[in-house]
Amino acid sequence: MGIQDIIEGKKQWRAHTARVKALPQDYQIVYKELQRYLFKVGPVDLLDGRLLPGILEFFEEGVAARKGVLDLIGNDVAAFCDDLIKDSRTHADIIQESINLGSGTAEK
């Protein structure tokens, strides 16, 4: 990754966060909770993928349709996130694999 890639990535991230800040307050709160959850347990390729921009677009469409954020995602932020990443390899998968490998060698 070169310096230009880093600069471009920062520009994209700043534009993304500016769009988040343009959302209504309740949407911002839920988006930040989604983001926090996904950074903890989310897919390995979270920052390279389209998941966060996709969620932001989904929220912007919800605002345009005058829907409440909980009408879009339901009351359980974690369940919504888990459904989004159900087919993705996550950090939790990697940790579980390392635990399984560690316990497998201890038994031998």
PDB file of N, CA and C in Angstrom:
ATOM      1  N   MET A   1       0.858  -1.179   0.000  1.00  0.00           N
ATOM      2  CA  MET A   1       0.000   0.000   0.000  1.00  0.00           C
ATOM      3  C   MET A   1       0.896   1.231   0.000  1.00  0.00           C
ATOM      4  N   GLY A   2       0.732   2.035  -1.004  1.00  0.00           N
ATOM      5  CA  GLY A   2       1.534   3.239  -1.131  1.00  0.00           C
ATOM      6  C   GLY A   2       0.898   4.428  -0.438  1.00  0.00           C
ATOM      7  N   ILE A   3       1.634   5.507  -0.426  1.00  0.00           N
ATOM      8  CA  ILE A   3       1.161   6.730   0.234  1.00  0.00           C
ATOM      9  C   ILE A   3      -0.104   7.269  -0.432  1.00  0.00           C
ATOM     10  N   GLN A   4      -0.187   7.141  -1.750  1.00  0.00           N
ATOM     11  CA  GLN A   4      -1.385   7.617  -2.462  1.00  0.00           C
ATOM     12  C   GLN A   4      -2.616   6.814  -2.056  1.00  0.00           C
ATOM     13  N   ASP A   5      -2.428   5.509  -1.847  1.00  0.00           N
ATOM     14  CA  ASP A   5      -3.545   4.672  -1.402  1.00  0.00           C
ATOM     15  C   ASP A   5      -4.023   5.090  -0.014  1.00  0.00           C
ATOM     16  N   ILE A   6      -3.085   5.400   0.843  1.00  0.00           N
ATOM     17  CA  ILE A   6      -3.424   5.839   2.201  1.00  0.00           C
ATOM     18  C   ILE A   6      -4.181   7.166   2.153  1.00  0.00           C
ATOM     19  N   ILE A   7      -3.684   8.088   1.355  1.00  0.00           N
ATOM     20  CA  ILE A   7      -4.336   9.397   1.223  1.00  0.00           C
ATOM     21  C   ILE A   7      -5.747   9.237   0.659  1.00  0.00           C
ATOM     22  N   GLU A   8      -5.881   8.416  -0.368  1.00  0.00           N
ATOM     23  CA  GLU A   8      -7.198   8.191  -0.976  1.00  0.00           C
ATOM     24  C   GLU A   8      -8.144   7.526   0.023  1.00  0.00           C
ATOM     25  N   GLY A   9      -7.631   6.574   0.781  1.00  0.00           N
ATOM     26  CA  GLY A   9      -8.444   5.917   1.802  1.00  0.00           C
ATOM     27  C   GLY A   9      -8.940   6.888   2.858  1.00  0.00           C
ATOM     28  N   LYS A  10      -8.075   7.806   3.273  1.00  0.00           N
ATOM     29  CA  LYS A  10      -8.477   8.817   4.259  1.00  0.00           C
ATOM     30  C   LYS A  10      -9.540   9.752   3.683  1.00  0.00           C
ATOM     31  N   LYS A  11      -9.385  10.131   2.422  1.00  0.00           N
ATOM     32  CA  LYS A  11     -10.386  10.995   1.783  1.00  0.00           C
ATOM     33  C   LYS A  11     -11.741  10.301   1.746  1.00  0.00           C
ATOM     34  N   GLN A  12     -11.730   9.026   1.370  1.00  0.00           N
ATOM     35  CA  GLN A  12     -12.988   8.275   1.304  1.00  0.00           C
ATOM     36  C   GLN A  12     -13.616   8.143   2.690  1.00  0.00           C
ATOM     37  N   TRP A  13     -12.786   7.874   3.702  1.00  0.00           N
ATOM     38  CA  TRP A  13     -13.314   7.726   5.053  1.00  0.00           C
ATOM     39  C   TRP A  13     -13.891   9.048   5.564  1.00  0.00           C
ATOM     40  N   ARG A  14     -13.225  10.156   5.292  1.00  0.00           N
ATOM     41  CA  ARG A  14     -13.751  11.468   5.712  1.00  0.00           C
ATOM     42  C   ARG A  14     -15.079  11.773   5.027  1.00  0.00           C
ATOM     43  N   ALA A  15     -15.190  11.447   3.750  1.00  0.00           N
ATOM     44  CA  ALA A  15     -16.448  11.657   3.034  1.00  0.00           C
ATOM     45  C   ALA A  15     -17.546  10.773   3.627  1.00  0.00           C
ATOM     46  N   HIS A  16     -17.181   9.557   3.974  1.00  0.00           N
ATOM     47  CA  HIS A  16     -18.137   8.623   4.576  1.00  0.00           C
ATOM     48  C   HIS A  16     -18.633   9.160   5.918  1.00  0.00           C
ATOM     49  N   THR A  17     -17.715   9.595   6.778  1.00  0.00           N
ATOM     50  CA  THR A  17     -18.119  10.109   8.086  1.00  0.00           C
ATOM     51  C   THR A  17     -18.922  11.398   7.966  1.00  0.00           C
ATOM     52  N   ALA A  18     -18.649  12.198   6.951  1.00  0.00           N
ATOM     53  CA  ALA A  18     -19.450  13.411   6.731  1.00  0.00           C
ATOM     54  C   ALA A  18     -20.892  13.039   6.384  1.00  0.00           C
ATOM     55  N   ARG A  19     -21.058  11.984   5.604  1.00  0.00           N
ATOM     56  CA  ARG A  19     -22.411  11.514   5.274  1.00  0.00           C
ATOM     57  C   ARG A  19     -23.121  10.990   6.518  1.00  0.00           C
ATOM     58  N   VAL A  20     -22.381  10.298   7.383  1.00  0.00           N
ATOM     59  CA  VAL A  20     -22.975   9.800   8.631  1.00  0.00           C
ATOM     60  C   VAL A  20     -23.437  10.976   9.485  1.00  0.00           C
ATOM     61  N   LYS A  21     -22.617  12.015   9.570  1.00  0.00           N
ATOM     62  CA  LYS A  21     -22.966  13.189  10.383  1.00  0.00           C
ATOM     63  C   LYS A  21     -24.164  13.948   9.813  1.00  0.00           C
ATOM     64  N   ALA A  22     -24.470  13.744   8.547  1.00  0.00           N
ATOM     65  CA  ALA A  22     -25.626  14.396   7.936  1.00  0.00           C
ATOM     66  C   ALA A  22     -26.935  13.662   8.247  1.00  0.00           C
ATOM     67  N   LEU A  23     -26.837  12.455   8.782  1.00  0.00           N
ATOM     68  CA  LEU A  23     -28.035  11.697   9.143  1.00  0.00           C
ATOM     69  C   LEU A  23     -28.694  12.308  10.377  1.00  0.00           C
ATOM     70  N   PRO A  24     -29.993  12.058  10.576  1.00  0.00           N
ATOM     71  CA  PRO A  24     -30.634  12.482  11.831  1.00  0.00           C
ATOM     72  C   PRO A  24     -29.952  11.819  13.030  1.00  0.00           C
ATOM     73  N   GLN A  25     -30.096  12.425  14.180  1.00  0.00           N
ATOM     74  CA  GLN A  25     -29.399  11.980  15.390  1.00  0.00           C
ATOM     75  C   GLN A  25     -29.651  10.505  15.714  1.00  0.00           C
ATOM     76  N   ASP A  26     -30.911  10.051  15.633  1.00  0.00           N
ATOM     77  CA  ASP A  26     -31.194   8.653  15.975  1.00  0.00           C
ATOM     78  C   ASP A  26     -30.503   7.692  15.015  1.00  0.00           C
ATOM     79  N   TYR A  27     -30.437   8.040  13.752  1.00  0.00           N
ATOM     80  CA  TYR A  27     -29.718   7.232  12.773  1.00  0.00           C
ATOM     81  C   TYR A  27     -28.221   7.217  13.076  1.00  0.00           C
ATOM     82  N   GLN A  28     -27.675   8.355  13.454  1.00  0.00           N
ATOM     83  CA  GLN A  28     -26.247   8.424  13.783  1.00  0.00           C
ATOM     84  C   GLN A  28     -25.908   7.511  14.960  1.00  0.00           C
ATOM     85  N   ILE A  29     -26.746   7.543  15.975  1.00  0.00           N
ATOM     86  CA  ILE A  29     -26.505   6.715  17.161  1.00  0.00           C
ATOM     87  C   ILE A  29     -26.504   5.237  16.783  1.00  0.00           C
ATOM     88  N   VAL A  30     -27.505   4.819  16.037  1.00  0.00           N
ATOM     89  CA  VAL A  30     -27.600   3.411  15.639  1.00  0.00           C
ATOM     90  C   VAL A  30     -26.458   3.042  14.701  1.00  0.00           C
ATOM     91  N   TYR A  31     -26.110   3.932  13.778  1.00  0.00           N
ATOM     92  CA  TYR A  31     -25.001   3.643  12.858  1.00  0.00           C
ATOM     93  C   TYR A  31     -23.709   3.427  13.647  1.00  0.00           C
ATOM     94  N   LYS A  32     -23.454   4.282  14.621  1.00  0.00           N
ATOM     95  CA  LYS A  32     -22.225   4.147  15.414  1.00  0.00           C
ATOM     96  C   LYS A  32     -22.223   2.849  16.219  1.00  0.00           C
ATOM     97  N   GLU A  33     -23.381   2.417  16.703  1.00  0.00           N
ATOM     98  CA  GLU A  33     -23.464   1.139  17.412  1.00  0.00           C
ATOM     99  C   GLU A  33     -23.213  -0.021  16.445  1.00  0.00           C
ATOM    100  N   LEU A  34     -23.789   0.058  15.255  1.00  0.00           N
ATOM    101  CA  LEU A  34     -23.530  -0.959  14.228  1.00  0.00           C
ATOM    102  C   LEU A  34     -22.038  -1.019  13.903  1.00  0.00           C
ATOM    103  N   GLN A  35     -21.458   0.126  13.701  1.00  0.00           N
ATOM    104  CA  GLN A  35     -20.040   0.214  13.361  1.00  0.00           C
ATOM    105  C   GLN A  35     -19.179  -0.365  14.483  1.00  0.00           C
ATOM    106  N   ARG A  36     -19.485  -0.015  15.720  1.00  0.00           N
ATOM    107  CA  ARG A  36     -18.726  -0.514  16.873  1.00  0.00           C
ATOM    108  C   ARG A  36     -18.818  -2.045  16.931  1.00  0.00           C
ATOM    109  N   TYR A  37     -20.024  -2.560  16.769  1.00  0.00           N
ATOM    110  CA  TYR A  37     -20.226  -4.005  16.816  1.00  0.00           C
ATOM    111  C   TYR A  37     -19.458  -4.689  15.689  1.00  0.00           C
ATOM    112  N   LEU A  38     -19.555  -4.152  14.491  1.00  0.00           N
ATOM    113  CA  LEU A  38     -18.888  -4.771  13.350  1.00  0.00           C
ATOM    114  C   LEU A  38     -17.366  -4.703  13.465  1.00  0.00           C
ATOM    115  N   PHE A  39     -16.837  -3.635  14.035  1.00  0.00           N
ATOM    116  CA  PHE A  39     -15.389  -3.556  14.230  1.00  0.00           C
ATOM    117  C   PHE A  39     -14.918  -4.607  15.229  1.00  0.00           C
ATOM    118  N   LYS A  40     -15.768  -4.983  16.183  1.00  0.00           N
ATOM    119  CA  LYS A  40     -15.388  -5.989  17.173  1.00  0.00           C
ATOM    120  C   LYS A  40     -15.492  -7.401  16.621  1.00  0.00           C
ATOM    121  N   VAL A  41     -16.601  -7.726  15.984  1.00  0.00           N
ATOM    122  CA  VAL A  41     -16.843  -9.110  15.582  1.00  0.00           C
ATOM    123  C   VAL A  41     -17.050  -9.280  14.081  1.00  0.00           C
ATOM    124  N   GLY A  42     -16.947  -8.195  13.365  1.00  0.00           N
ATOM    125  CA  GLY A  42     -17.303  -8.210  11.962  1.00  0.00           C
ATOM    126  C   GLY A  42     -16.358  -8.944  11.049  1.00  0.00           C
ATOM    127  N   PRO A  43     -16.653  -8.876   9.776  1.00  0.00           N
ATOM    128  CA  PRO A  43     -15.852  -9.587   8.794  1.00  0.00           C
ATOM    129  C   PRO A  43     -14.419  -9.075   8.738  1.00  0.00           C
ATOM    130  N   VAL A  44     -13.533  -9.971   8.363  1.00  0.00           N
ATOM    131  CA  VAL A  44     -12.114  -9.644   8.279  1.00  0.00           C
ATOM    132  C   VAL A  44     -11.882  -8.520   7.268  1.00  0.00           C
ATOM    133  N   ASP A  45     -12.646  -8.516   6.201  1.00  0.00           N
ATOM    134  CA  ASP A  45     -12.462  -7.523   5.136  1.00  0.00           C
ATOM    135  C   ASP A  45     -13.411  -6.332   5.276  1.00  0.00           C
ATOM    136  N   LEU A  46     -13.785  -5.993   6.491  1.00  0.00           N
ATOM    137  CA  LEU A  46     -14.757  -4.923   6.734  1.00  0.00           C
ATOM    138  C   LEU A  46     -14.360  -3.608   6.077  1.00  0.00           C
ATOM    139  N   LEU A  47     -13.131  -3.193   6.258  1.00  0.00           N
ATOM    140  CA  LEU A  47     -12.709  -1.895   5.725  1.00  0.00           C
ATOM    141  C   LEU A  47     -12.495  -1.918   4.223  1.00  0.00           C
ATOM    142  N   ASP A  48     -12.259  -3.082   3.645  1.00  0.00           N
ATOM    143  CA  ASP A  48     -12.065  -3.185   2.204  1.00  0.00           C
ATOM    144  C   ASP A  48     -13.369  -3.390   1.445  1.00  0.00           C
ATOM    145  N   GLY A  49     -14.402  -3.767   2.161  1.00  0.00           N
ATOM    146  CA  GLY A  49     -15.655  -4.139   1.519  1.00  0.00           C
ATOM    147  C   GLY A  49     -16.636  -2.996   1.376  1.00  0.00           C
ATOM    148  N   ARG A  50     -17.850  -3.360   1.056  1.00  0.00           N
ATOM    149  CA  ARG A  50     -18.925  -2.401   0.833  1.00  0.00           C
ATOM    150  C   ARG A  50     -19.964  -2.426   1.951  1.00  0.00           C
ATOM    151  N   LEU A  51     -19.661  -3.113   3.053  1.00  0.00           N
ATOM    152  CA  LEU A  51     -20.660  -3.271   4.104  1.00  0.00           C
ATOM    153  C   LEU A  51     -21.052  -1.937   4.745  1.00  0.00           C
ATOM    154  N   LEU A  52     -20.093  -1.190   5.249  1.00  0.00           N
ATOM    155  CA  LEU A  52     -20.417   0.093   5.899  1.00  0.00           C
ATOM    156  C   LEU A  52     -21.026   1.095   4.925  1.00  0.00           C
ATOM    157  N   PRO A  53     -20.461   1.267   3.720  1.00  0.00           N
ATOM    158  CA  PRO A  53     -21.124   2.162   2.765  1.00  0.00           C
ATOM    159  C   PRO A  53     -22.532   1.686   2.396  1.00  0.00           C
ATOM    160  N   GLY A  54     -22.725   0.372   2.348  1.00  0.00           N
ATOM    161  CA  GLY A  54     -24.052  -0.170   2.048  1.00  0.00           C
ATOM    162  C   GLY A  54     -25.051   0.146   3.137  1.00  0.00           C
ATOM    163  N   ILE A  55     -24.613   0.024   4.396  1.00  0.00           N
ATOM    164  CA  ILE A  55     -25.483   0.367   5.522  1.00  0.00           C
ATOM    165  C   ILE A  55     -25.825   1.848   5.486  1.00  0.00           C
ATOM    166  N   LEU A  56     -24.834   2.672   5.180  1.00  0.00           N
ATOM    167  CA  LEU A  56     -25.064   4.120   5.111  1.00  0.00           C
ATOM    168  C   LEU A  56     -26.077   4.452   4.014  1.00  0.00           C
ATOM    169  N   GLU A  57     -25.940   3.827   2.862  1.00  0.00           N
ATOM    170  CA  GLU A  57     -26.909   4.059   1.772  1.00  0.00           C
ATOM    171  C   GLU A  57     -28.307   3.616   2.199  1.00  0.00           C
ATOM    172  N   PHE A  58     -28.391   2.473   2.862  1.00  0.00           N
ATOM    173  CA  PHE A  58     -29.662   1.956   3.370  1.00  0.00           C
ATOM    174  C   PHE A  58     -30.300   2.954   4.336  1.00  0.00           C
ATOM    175  N   PHE A  59     -29.483   3.521   5.230  1.00  0.00           N
ATOM    176  CA  PHE A  59     -29.980   4.510   6.173  1.00  0.00           C
ATOM    177  C   PHE A  59     -30.426   5.783   5.462  1.00  0.00           C
ATOM    178  N   GLU A  60     -29.657   6.237   4.490  1.00  0.00           N
ATOM    179  CA  GLU A  60     -30.040   7.436   3.741  1.00  0.00           C
ATOM    180  C   GLU A  60     -31.370   7.231   3.018  1.00  0.00           C
ATOM    181  N   GLU A  61     -31.590   6.039   2.495  1.00  0.00           N
ATOM    182  CA  GLU A  61     -32.876   5.736   1.856  1.00  0.00           C
ATOM    183  C   GLU A  61     -34.005   5.735   2.883  1.00  0.00           C
ATOM    184  N   GLY A  62     -33.721   5.228   4.082  1.00  0.00           N
ATOM    185  CA  GLY A  62     -34.710   5.240   5.155  1.00  0.00           C
ATOM    186  C   GLY A  62     -35.091   6.646   5.568  1.00  0.00           C
ATOM    187  N   VAL A  63     -34.097   7.523   5.645  1.00  0.00           N
ATOM    188  CA  VAL A  63     -34.360   8.929   5.974  1.00  0.00           C
ATOM    189  C   VAL A  63     -35.230   9.554   4.889  1.00  0.00           C
ATOM    190  N   ALA A  64     -34.874   9.298   3.631  1.00  0.00           N
ATOM    191  CA  ALA A  64     -35.628   9.865   2.509  1.00  0.00           C
ATOM    192  C   ALA A  64     -37.081   9.371   2.513  1.00  0.00           C
ATOM    193  N   ALA A  65     -37.290   8.141   2.965  1.00  0.00           N
ATOM    194  CA  ALA A  65     -38.637   7.574   3.022  1.00  0.00           C
ATOM    195  C   ALA A  65     -39.354   7.929   4.322  1.00  0.00           C
ATOM    196  N   ARG A  66     -38.683   8.721   5.165  1.00  0.00           N
ATOM    197  CA  ARG A  66     -39.238   9.174   6.449  1.00  0.00           C
ATOM    198  C   ARG A  66     -39.572   8.009   7.384  1.00  0.00           C
ATOM    199  N   LYS A  67     -38.706   7.014   7.404  1.00  0.00           N
ATOM    200  CA  LYS A  67     -38.887   5.872   8.294  1.00  0.00           C
ATOM    201  C   LYS A  67     -37.968   6.032   9.499  1.00  0.00           C
ATOM    202  N   GLY A  68     -38.392   5.517  10.616  1.00  0.00           N
ATOM    203  CA  GLY A  68     -37.547   5.493  11.796  1.00  0.00           C
ATOM    204  C   GLY A  68     -36.458   4.444  11.628  1.00  0.00           C
ATOM    205  N   VAL A  69     -35.327   4.666  12.241  1.00  0.00           N
ATOM    206  CA  VAL A  69     -34.200   3.752  12.075  1.00  0.00           C
ATOM    207  C   VAL A  69     -34.535   2.358  12.602  1.00  0.00           C
ATOM    208  N   LEU A  70     -35.274   2.272  13.695  1.00  0.00           N
ATOM    209  CA  LEU A  70     -35.631   0.963  14.228  1.00  0.00           C
ATOM    210  C   LEU A  70     -36.664   0.256  13.367  1.00  0.00           C
ATOM    211  N   ASP A  71     -37.422   1.017  12.571  1.00  0.00           N
ATOM    212  CA  ASP A  71     -38.322   0.399  11.594  1.00  0.00           C
ATOM    213  C   ASP A  71     -37.519  -0.323  10.514  1.00  0.00           C
ATOM    214  N   LEU A  72     -36.315   0.169  10.248  1.00  0.00           N
ATOM    215  CA  LEU A  72     -35.457  -0.440   9.227  1.00  0.00           C
ATOM    216  C   LEU A  72     -34.732  -1.672   9.733  1.00  0.00           C
ATOM    217  N   ILE A  73     -34.181  -1.584  10.939  1.00  0.00           N
ATOM    218  CA  ILE A  73     -33.301  -2.668  11.402  1.00  0.00           C
ATOM    219  C   ILE A  73     -33.901  -3.517  12.513  1.00  0.00           C
ATOM    220  N   GLY A  74     -34.959  -3.068  13.152  1.00  0.00           N
ATOM    221  CA  GLY A  74     -35.507  -3.786  14.291  1.00  0.00           C
ATOM    222  C   GLY A  74     -34.870  -3.282  15.577  1.00  0.00           C
ATOM    223  N   ASN A  75     -35.204  -3.921  16.679  1.00  0.00           N
ATOM    224  CA  ASN A  75     -34.736  -3.465  17.991  1.00  0.00           C
ATOM    225  C   ASN A  75     -33.389  -4.044  18.401  1.00  0.00           C
ATOM    226  N   ASP A  76     -32.907  -5.052  17.692  1.00  0.00           N
ATOM    227  CA  ASP A  76     -31.679  -5.737  18.081  1.00  0.00           C
ATOM    228  C   ASP A  76     -30.565  -5.441  17.070  1.00  0.00           C
ATOM    229  N   VAL A  77     -29.683  -4.520  17.441  1.00  0.00           N
ATOM    230  CA  VAL A  77     -28.583  -4.114  16.552  1.00  0.00           C
ATOM    231  C   VAL A  77     -27.675  -5.296  16.245  1.00  0.00           C
ATOM    232  N   ALA A  78     -27.344  -6.080  17.252  1.00  0.00           N
ATOM    233  CA  ALA A  78     -26.440  -7.218  17.056  1.00  0.00           C
ATOM    234  C   ALA A  78     -27.048  -8.245  16.104  1.00  0.00           C
ATOM    235  N   ALA A  79     -28.329  -8.535  16.251  1.00  0.00           N
ATOM    236  CA  ALA A  79     -28.977  -9.506  15.365  1.00  0.00           C
ATOM    237  C   ALA A  79     -28.978  -8.996  13.925  1.00  0.00           C
ATOM    238  N   PHE A  80     -29.215  -7.707  13.744  1.00  0.00           N
ATOM    239  CA  PHE A  80     -29.175  -7.114  12.405  1.00  0.00           C
ATOM    240  C   PHE A  80     -27.785  -7.284  11.798  1.00  0.00           C
ATOM    241  N   CYS A  81     -26.757  -6.979  12.573  1.00  0.00           N
ATOM    242  CA  CYS A  81     -25.374  -7.112  12.098  1.00  0.00           C
ATOM    243  C   CYS A  81     -25.032  -8.563  11.800  1.00  0.00           C
ATOM    244  N   ASP A  82     -25.413  -9.458  12.710  1.00  0.00           N
ATOM    245  CA  ASP A  82     -25.118 -10.870  12.514  1.00  0.00           C
ATOM    246  C   ASP A  82     -25.747 -11.392  11.226  1.00  0.00           C
ATOM    247  N   ASP A  83     -26.937 -10.923  10.929  1.00  0.00           N
ATOM    248  CA  ASP A  83     -27.596 -11.336   9.695  1.00  0.00           C
ATOM    249  C   ASP A  83     -26.838 -10.821   8.466  1.00  0.00           C
ATOM    250  N   LEU A  84     -26.300  -9.617   8.561  1.00  0.00           N
ATOM    251  CA  LEU A  84     -25.541  -9.049   7.443  1.00  0.00           C
ATOM    252  C   LEU A  84     -24.251  -9.806   7.165  1.00  0.00           C
ATOM    253  N   ILE A  85     -23.619 -10.323   8.207  1.00  0.00           N
ATOM    254  CA  ILE A  85     -22.296 -10.936   8.059  1.00  0.00           C
ATOM    255  C   ILE A  85     -22.333 -12.457   8.186  1.00  0.00           C
ATOM    256  N   LYS A  86     -23.510 -13.054   8.120  1.00  0.00           N
ATOM    257  CA  LYS A  86     -23.634 -14.493   8.392  1.00  0.00           C
ATOM    258  C   LYS A  86     -22.790 -15.364   7.461  1.00  0.00           C
ATOM    259  N   ASP A  87     -22.510 -14.922   6.252  1.00  0.00           N
ATOM    260  CA  ASP A  87     -21.729 -15.714   5.309  1.00  0.00           C
ATOM    261  C   ASP A  87     -20.291 -15.225   5.173  1.00  0.00           C
ATOM    262  N   SER A  88     -19.864 -14.334   6.040  1.00  0.00           N
ATOM    263  CA  SER A  88     -18.522 -13.762   5.970  1.00  0.00           C
ATOM    264  C   SER A  88     -17.621 -14.377   7.032  1.00  0.00           C
ATOM    265  N   ARG A  89     -16.352 -14.458   6.733  1.00  0.00           N
ATOM    266  CA  ARG A  89     -15.373 -14.897   7.725  1.00  0.00           C
ATOM    267  C   ARG A  89     -15.111 -13.724   8.669  1.00  0.00           C
ATOM    268  N   THR A  90     -15.256 -13.975   9.966  1.00  0.00           N
ATOM    269  CA  THR A  90     -15.153 -12.906  10.951  1.00  0.00           C
ATOM    270  C   THR A  90     -13.920 -13.079  11.826  1.00  0.00           C
ATOM    271  N   HIS A  91     -13.621 -12.032  12.584  1.00  0.00           N
ATOM    272  CA  HIS A  91     -12.532 -12.097  13.549  1.00  0.00           C
ATOM    273  C   HIS A  91     -12.832 -13.167  14.604  1.00  0.00           C
ATOM    274  N   ALA A  92     -14.098 -13.318  14.954  1.00  0.00           N
ATOM    275  CA  ALA A  92     -14.485 -14.345  15.920  1.00  0.00           C
ATOM    276  C   ALA A  92     -14.166 -15.738  15.373  1.00  0.00           C
ATOM    277  N   ASP A  93     -14.361 -15.952  14.073  1.00  0.00           N
ATOM    278  CA  ASP A  93     -14.014 -17.234  13.451  1.00  0.00           C
ATOM    279  C   ASP A  93     -12.525 -17.511  13.578  1.00  0.00           C
ATOM    280  N   ILE A  94     -11.711 -16.512  13.343  1.00  0.00           N
ATOM    281  CA  ILE A  94     -10.256 -16.673  13.428  1.00  0.00           C
ATOM    282  C   ILE A  94      -9.837 -17.020  14.854  1.00  0.00           C
ATOM    283  N   ILE A  95     -10.424 -16.335  15.819  1.00  0.00           N
ATOM    284  CA  ILE A  95     -10.109 -16.612  17.222  1.00  0.00           C
ATOM    285  C   ILE A  95     -10.528 -18.037  17.583  1.00  0.00           C
ATOM    286  N   GLN A  96     -11.728 -18.425  17.156  1.00  0.00           N
ATOM    287  CA  GLN A  96     -12.210 -19.773  17.455  1.00  0.00           C
ATOM    288  C   GLN A  96     -11.309 -20.826  16.817  1.00  0.00           C
ATOM    289  N   GLU A  97     -10.863 -20.583  15.588  1.00  0.00           N
ATOM    290  CA  GLU A  97      -9.964 -21.516  14.920  1.00  0.00           C
ATOM    291  C   GLU A  97      -8.647 -21.646  15.671  1.00  0.00           C
ATOM    292  N   SER A  98      -8.115 -20.528  16.164  1.00  0.00           N
ATOM    293  CA  SER A  98      -6.852 -20.589  16.898  1.00  0.00           C
ATOM    294  C   SER A  98      -7.033 -21.332  18.228  1.00  0.00           C
ATOM    295  N   ILE A  99      -8.182 -21.172  18.863  1.00  0.00           N
ATOM    296  CA  ILE A  99      -8.467 -21.900  20.100  1.00  0.00           C
ATOM    297  C   ILE A  99      -8.556 -23.395  19.805  1.00  0.00           C
ATOM    298  N   ASN A 100      -9.263 -23.732  18.728  1.00  0.00           N
ATOM    299  CA  ASN A 100      -9.405 -25.140  18.362  1.00  0.00           C
ATOM    300  C   ASN A 100      -8.057 -25.760  18.023  1.00  0.00           C
ATOM    301  N   LEU A 101      -7.213 -25.016  17.314  1.00  0.00           N
ATOM    302  CA  LEU A 101      -5.880 -25.526  16.993  1.00  0.00           C
ATOM    303  C   LEU A 101      -5.053 -25.710  18.254  1.00  0.00           C
ATOM    304  N   GLY A 102      -5.148 -24.757  19.153  1.00  0.00           N
ATOM    305  CA  GLY A 102      -4.394 -24.831  20.403  1.00  0.00           C
ATOM    306  C   GLY A 102      -4.843 -25.992  21.257  1.00  0.00           C
ATOM    307  N   SER A 103      -6.140 -26.231  21.345  1.00  0.00           N
ATOM    308  CA  SER A 103      -6.627 -27.340  22.169  1.00  0.00           C
ATOM    309  C   SER A 103      -6.360 -28.671  21.492  1.00  0.00           C
ATOM    310  N   GLY A 104      -6.305 -28.704  20.169  1.00  0.00           N
ATOM    311  CA  GLY A 104      -6.024 -29.944  19.441  1.00  0.00           C
ATOM    312  C   GLY A 104      -4.594 -30.394  19.656  1.00  0.00           C
ATOM    313  N   THR A 105      -3.662 -29.475  19.761  1.00  0.00           N
ATOM    314  CA  THR A 105      -2.263 -29.851  19.957  1.00  0.00           C
ATOM    315  C   THR A 105      -2.013 -30.253  21.402  1.00  0.00           C
ATOM    316  N   ALA A 106      -2.796 -29.735  22.326  1.00  0.00           N
ATOM    317  CA  ALA A 106      -2.603 -30.069  23.726  1.00  0.00           C
ATOM    318  C   ALA A 106      -3.061 -31.504  24.016  1.00  0.00           C
ATOM    319  N   GLU A 107      -4.025 -32.001  23.233  1.00  0.00           N
ATOM    320  CA  GLU A 107      -4.544 -33.338  23.452  1.00  0.00           C
ATOM    321  C   GLU A 107      -3.605 -34.402  22.930  1.00  0.00           C
ATOM    322  N   LYS A 108      -2.732 -34.070  21.982  1.00  0.00           N
ATOM    323  CA  LYS A 108      -1.865 -35.071  21.364  1.00  0.00           C
ATOM    324  C   LYS A 108      -0.745 -35.483  22.228  1.00  0.00           C
TER     325      LYS A 108
END
